[in-house]
C-alpha atoms as a PDB file:
ATOM      1  CA  MET A   1      -7.628  10.494 -22.341  1.00  0.00           C
ATOM      2  CA  LYS A   2      -7.107   6.935 -23.551  1.00  0.00           C
ATOM      3  CA  PRO A   3      -8.243   4.155 -21.179  1.00  0.00           C
ATOM      4  CA  ARG A   4      -4.802   2.505 -21.266  1.00  0.00           C
ATOM      5  CA  LEU A   5      -3.127   5.755 -20.220  1.00  0.00           C
ATOM      6  CA  VAL A   6      -5.589   6.146 -17.347  1.00  0.00           C
ATOM      7  CA  VAL A   7      -4.788   2.633 -16.102  1.00  0.00           C
ATOM      8  CA  GLN A   8      -1.056   3.351 -16.325  1.00  0.00           C
ATOM      9  CA  LEU A   9      -1.471   6.578 -14.372  1.00  0.00           C
ATOM     10  CA  ILE A  10      -3.453   4.735 -11.700  1.00  0.00           C
ATOM     11  CA  VAL A  11      -0.749   2.069 -11.444  1.00  0.00           C
ATOM     12  CA  VAL A  12       2.040   4.653 -11.155  1.00  0.00           C
ATOM     13  CA  SER A  13       0.074   6.546  -8.500  1.00  0.00           C
ATOM     14  CA  ALA A  14      -0.692   3.343  -6.642  1.00  0.00           C
ATOM     15  CA  ILE A  15       2.915   2.232  -6.539  1.00  0.00           C
ATOM     16  CA  SER A  16       4.079   5.679  -5.461  1.00  0.00           C
ATOM     17  CA  MET A  17       1.536   5.792  -2.644  1.00  0.00           C
ATOM     18  CA  PHE A  18       2.454   2.296  -1.472  1.00  0.00           C
ATOM     19  CA  VAL A  19       6.063   3.287  -0.996  1.00  0.00           C
ATOM     20  CA  CYS A  20       4.875   6.112   1.289  1.00  0.00           C
ATOM     21  CA  LEU A  21       1.909   4.524   3.069  1.00  0.00           C
ATOM     22  CA  MET A  22       2.500   0.821   3.490  1.00  0.00           C
ATOM     23  CA  PRO A  23       4.305  -0.452   6.562  1.00  0.00           C
ATOM     24  CA  GLN A  24       7.583  -2.037   5.587  1.00  0.00           C
ATOM     25  CA  ASN A  25       6.653  -5.358   7.167  1.00  0.00           C
ATOM     26  CA  ILE A  26       3.562  -5.810   4.951  1.00  0.00           C
ATOM     27  CA  LEU A  27       4.547  -7.727   1.862  1.00  0.00           C
ATOM     28  CA  PHE A  28       1.561  -6.747  -0.252  1.00  0.00           C
ATOM     29  CA  ALA A  29       3.348  -7.861  -3.395  1.00  0.00           C
ATOM     30  CA  ALA A  30       3.127 -11.538  -2.593  1.00  0.00           C
ATOM     31  CA  GLY A  31       0.481 -13.316  -4.580  1.00  0.00           C
ATOM     32  CA  GLU A  32      -0.527 -11.512  -7.755  1.00  0.00           C
ATOM     33  CA  CYS A  33       2.806  -9.649  -8.089  1.00  0.00           C
ATOM     34  CA  LYS A  34       5.051 -12.496  -6.959  1.00  0.00           C
ATOM     35  CA  GLY A  35       5.845 -13.538 -10.540  1.00  0.00           C
ATOM     36  CA  ASP A  36       6.570  -9.943 -11.580  1.00  0.00           C
ATOM     37  CA  ILE A  37       8.939  -9.519  -8.638  1.00  0.00           C
ATOM     38  CA  ALA A  38      10.717 -12.770  -9.489  1.00  0.00           C
ATOM     39  CA  ARG A  39      10.965 -11.739 -13.134  1.00  0.00           C
ATOM     40  CA  TYR A  40      12.008  -8.080 -12.815  1.00  0.00           C
ATOM     41  CA  CYS A  41      13.249  -7.546  -9.248  1.00  0.00           C
ATOM     42  CA  GLN A  42      15.584 -10.409  -8.395  1.00  0.00           C
ATOM     43  CA  GLY A  43      18.085  -8.134  -6.637  1.00  0.00           C
ATOM     44  CA  ALA A  44      15.495  -6.282  -4.543  1.00  0.00           C
ATOM     45  CA  GLU A  45      15.916  -6.625  -0.796  1.00  0.00           C
ATOM     46  CA  GLY A  46      12.702  -6.103   1.106  1.00  0.00           C
ATOM     47  CA  PRO A  47       9.339  -4.562   0.308  1.00  0.00           C
ATOM     48  CA  LYS A  48      10.571  -1.017  -0.257  1.00  0.00           C
ATOM     49  CA  GLN A  49      13.064  -2.070  -2.926  1.00  0.00           C
ATOM     50  CA  GLU A  50      10.470  -4.394  -4.454  1.00  0.00           C
ATOM     51  CA  MET A  51       8.026  -1.498  -4.707  1.00  0.00           C
ATOM     52  CA  GLU A  52      10.651   0.747  -6.288  1.00  0.00           C
ATOM     53  CA  CYS A  53      11.465  -2.007  -8.759  1.00  0.00           C
ATOM     54  CA  LEU A  54       7.798  -2.510  -9.647  1.00  0.00           C
ATOM     55  CA  LYS A  55       7.492   1.231 -10.133  1.00  0.00           C
ATOM     56  CA  MET A  56      10.474   1.235 -12.506  1.00  0.00           C
ATOM     57  CA  ASN A  57       8.943  -1.679 -14.430  1.00  0.00           C
ATOM     58  CA  LYS A  58       5.352  -0.407 -14.439  1.00  0.00           C
ATOM     59  CA  GLU A  59       5.004  -0.803 -18.210  1.00  0.00           C
ATOM     60  CA  ARG A  60       5.932  -4.485 -18.026  1.00  0.00           C
ATOM     61  CA  LEU A  61       3.800  -5.571 -15.060  1.00  0.00           C
ATOM     62  CA  SER A  62       1.230  -8.277 -15.622  1.00  0.00           C
ATOM     63  CA  PRO A  63      -2.446  -7.247 -15.649  1.00  0.00           C
ATOM     64  CA  PRO A  64      -3.167  -9.264 -12.456  1.00  0.00           C
ATOM     65  CA  CYS A  65      -0.349  -7.449 -10.638  1.00  0.00           C
ATOM     66  CA  LYS A  66      -1.604  -4.053 -11.815  1.00  0.00           C
ATOM     67  CA  ARG A  67      -5.134  -4.909 -10.656  1.00  0.00           C
ATOM     68  CA  HIS A  68      -3.806  -6.104  -7.305  1.00  0.00           C
ATOM     69  CA  ILE A  69      -1.840  -2.898  -6.787  1.00  0.00           C
ATOM     70  CA  VAL A  70      -4.969  -0.833  -7.463  1.00  0.00           C
ATOM     71  CA  GLN A  71      -7.030  -3.042  -5.112  1.00  0.00           C
ATOM     72  CA  VAL A  72      -4.535  -2.706  -2.271  1.00  0.00           C
ATOM     73  CA  LEU A  73      -4.218   1.043  -2.866  1.00  0.00           C
ATOM     74  CA  ARG A  74      -7.978   1.402  -2.509  1.00  0.00           C
ATOM     75  CA  ALA A  75      -7.856  -0.538   0.760  1.00  0.00           C
ATOM     76  CA  VAL A  76      -5.025   1.679   2.051  1.00  0.00           C
ATOM     77  CA  ILE A  77      -6.939   4.833   1.135  1.00  0.00           C
ATOM     78  CA  GLU A  78     -10.115   3.502   2.762  1.00  0.00           C
ATOM     79  CA  ALA A  79      -8.236   2.524   5.935  1.00  0.00           C
ATOM     80  CA  HIS A  80      -6.696   5.989   6.073  1.00  0.00           C
ATOM     81  CA  GLN A  81     -10.151   7.548   5.702  1.00  0.00           C
ATOM     82  CA  ASP A  82     -11.636   5.210   8.316  1.00  0.00           C
ATOM     83  CA  CYS A  83      -8.842   6.100  10.744  1.00  0.00           C
ATOM     84  CA  GLU A  84      -8.540   9.799   9.946  1.00  0.00           C
ATOM     85  CA  PRO A  85      -9.951  10.986  13.310  1.00  0.00           C
ATOM     86  CA  GLU A  86      -7.610   8.643  15.180  1.00  0.00           C
ATOM     87  CA  ILE A  87      -4.605   9.699  13.105  1.00  0.00           C
ATOM     88  CA  TYR A  88      -5.302  13.357  13.893  1.00  0.00           C
ATOM     89  CA  MET A  89      -5.949  12.600  17.543  1.00  0.00           C
ATOM     90  CA  PHE A  90      -3.159  10.149  18.359  1.00  0.00           C
ATOM     91  CA  CYS A  91      -0.565  10.632  15.600  1.00  0.00           C
ATOM     92  CA  PRO A  92      -0.531  14.324  14.621  1.00  0.00           C
ATOM     93  CA  GLY A  93       3.249  14.640  14.304  1.00  0.00           C
ATOM     94  CA  VAL A  94       3.897  11.241  12.748  1.00  0.00           C
ATOM     95  CA  GLN A  95       5.264  11.438   9.216  1.00  0.00           C
ATOM     96  CA  PRO A  96       3.715   8.878   6.814  1.00  0.00           C
ATOM     97  CA  GLY A  97       5.976   6.179   5.434  1.00  0.00           C
ATOM     98  CA  GLY A  98       7.930   3.280   6.784  1.00  0.00           C
ATOM     99  CA  GLY A  99       4.939   2.047   8.766  1.00  0.00           C
ATOM    100  CA  ARG A 100       5.157   4.925  11.268  1.00  0.00           C
ATOM    101  CA  VAL A 101       1.430   5.769  11.190  1.00  0.00           C
ATOM    102  CA  MET A 102       0.511   2.095  11.575  1.00  0.00           C
ATOM    103  CA  LYS A 103       2.896   1.791  14.539  1.00  0.00           C
ATOM    104  CA  CYS A 104       1.280   4.826  16.124  1.00  0.00           C
ATOM    105  CA  LEU A 105      -2.215   3.421  15.604  1.00  0.00           C
ATOM    106  CA  LYS A 106      -1.071   0.075  16.991  1.00  0.00           C
ATOM    107  CA  ALA A 107       0.166   1.845  20.123  1.00  0.00           C
ATOM    108  CA  HIS A 108      -3.400   3.141  20.565  1.00  0.00           C
ATOM    109  CA  LYS A 109      -5.193  -0.034  19.422  1.00  0.00           C
ATOM    110  CA  ASN A 110      -7.484  -0.109  22.461  1.00  0.00           C
ATOM    111  CA  GLU A 111      -8.670   3.421  21.712  1.00  0.00           C
ATOM    112  CA  LEU A 112      -9.450   2.968  18.002  1.00  0.00           C
ATOM    113  CA  SER A 113     -13.008   3.164  16.720  1.00  0.00           C
ATOM    114  CA  PRO A 114     -14.648   0.032  15.298  1.00  0.00           C
ATOM    115  CA  ALA A 115     -14.593   1.672  11.836  1.00  0.00           C
ATOM    116  CA  CYS A 116     -10.849   2.258  12.033  1.00  0.00           C
ATOM    117  CA  LYS A 117     -10.171  -1.285  13.209  1.00  0.00           C
ATOM    118  CA  ALA A 118     -12.330  -2.650  10.386  1.00  0.00           C
ATOM    119  CA  GLY A 119     -10.538  -0.462   7.833  1.00  0.00           C
ATOM    120  CA  ILE A 120      -7.159  -1.712   8.977  1.00  0.00           C
ATOM    121  CA  MET A 121      -8.337  -5.324   8.835  1.00  0.00           C
ATOM    122  CA  ASP A 122      -9.724  -4.797   5.307  1.00  0.00           C
ATOM    123  CA  MET A 123      -6.390  -3.306   4.239  1.00  0.00           C
ATOM    124  CA  LEU A 124      -4.427  -6.213   5.695  1.00  0.00           C
ATOM    125  CA  MET A 125      -6.771  -8.753   4.123  1.00  0.00           C
ATOM    126  CA  SER A 126      -6.427  -7.158   0.664  1.00  0.00           C
ATOM    127  CA  ARG A 127      -2.690  -7.661   0.460  1.00  0.00           C
END
């Protein structure tokens, strides 16, 4: 498989996962993707529409934006792994997307392990 195709597949996967996993109030796209959003997504209202727009324009995204998306995706995956026991314990019926899992974890913030708290902080800092 060509390296460029692999990068494109990673970007598409990353954007798709963000739409499902990221809380709606986290504007990850600020910073490295801000220019891409201004250029391609002027009519988007809110993070979910911005993510959908970036997904539709994946071929045109700047390299810094693509790298940022992959970086944030890694942080989301790591936070999910760090919090997996807590998600199963406190949020078993919560459907991912729209920030529902994060809201559930926040409701149990005093009961979270240090690893889970650190994973969430790393994810928030990567945006």
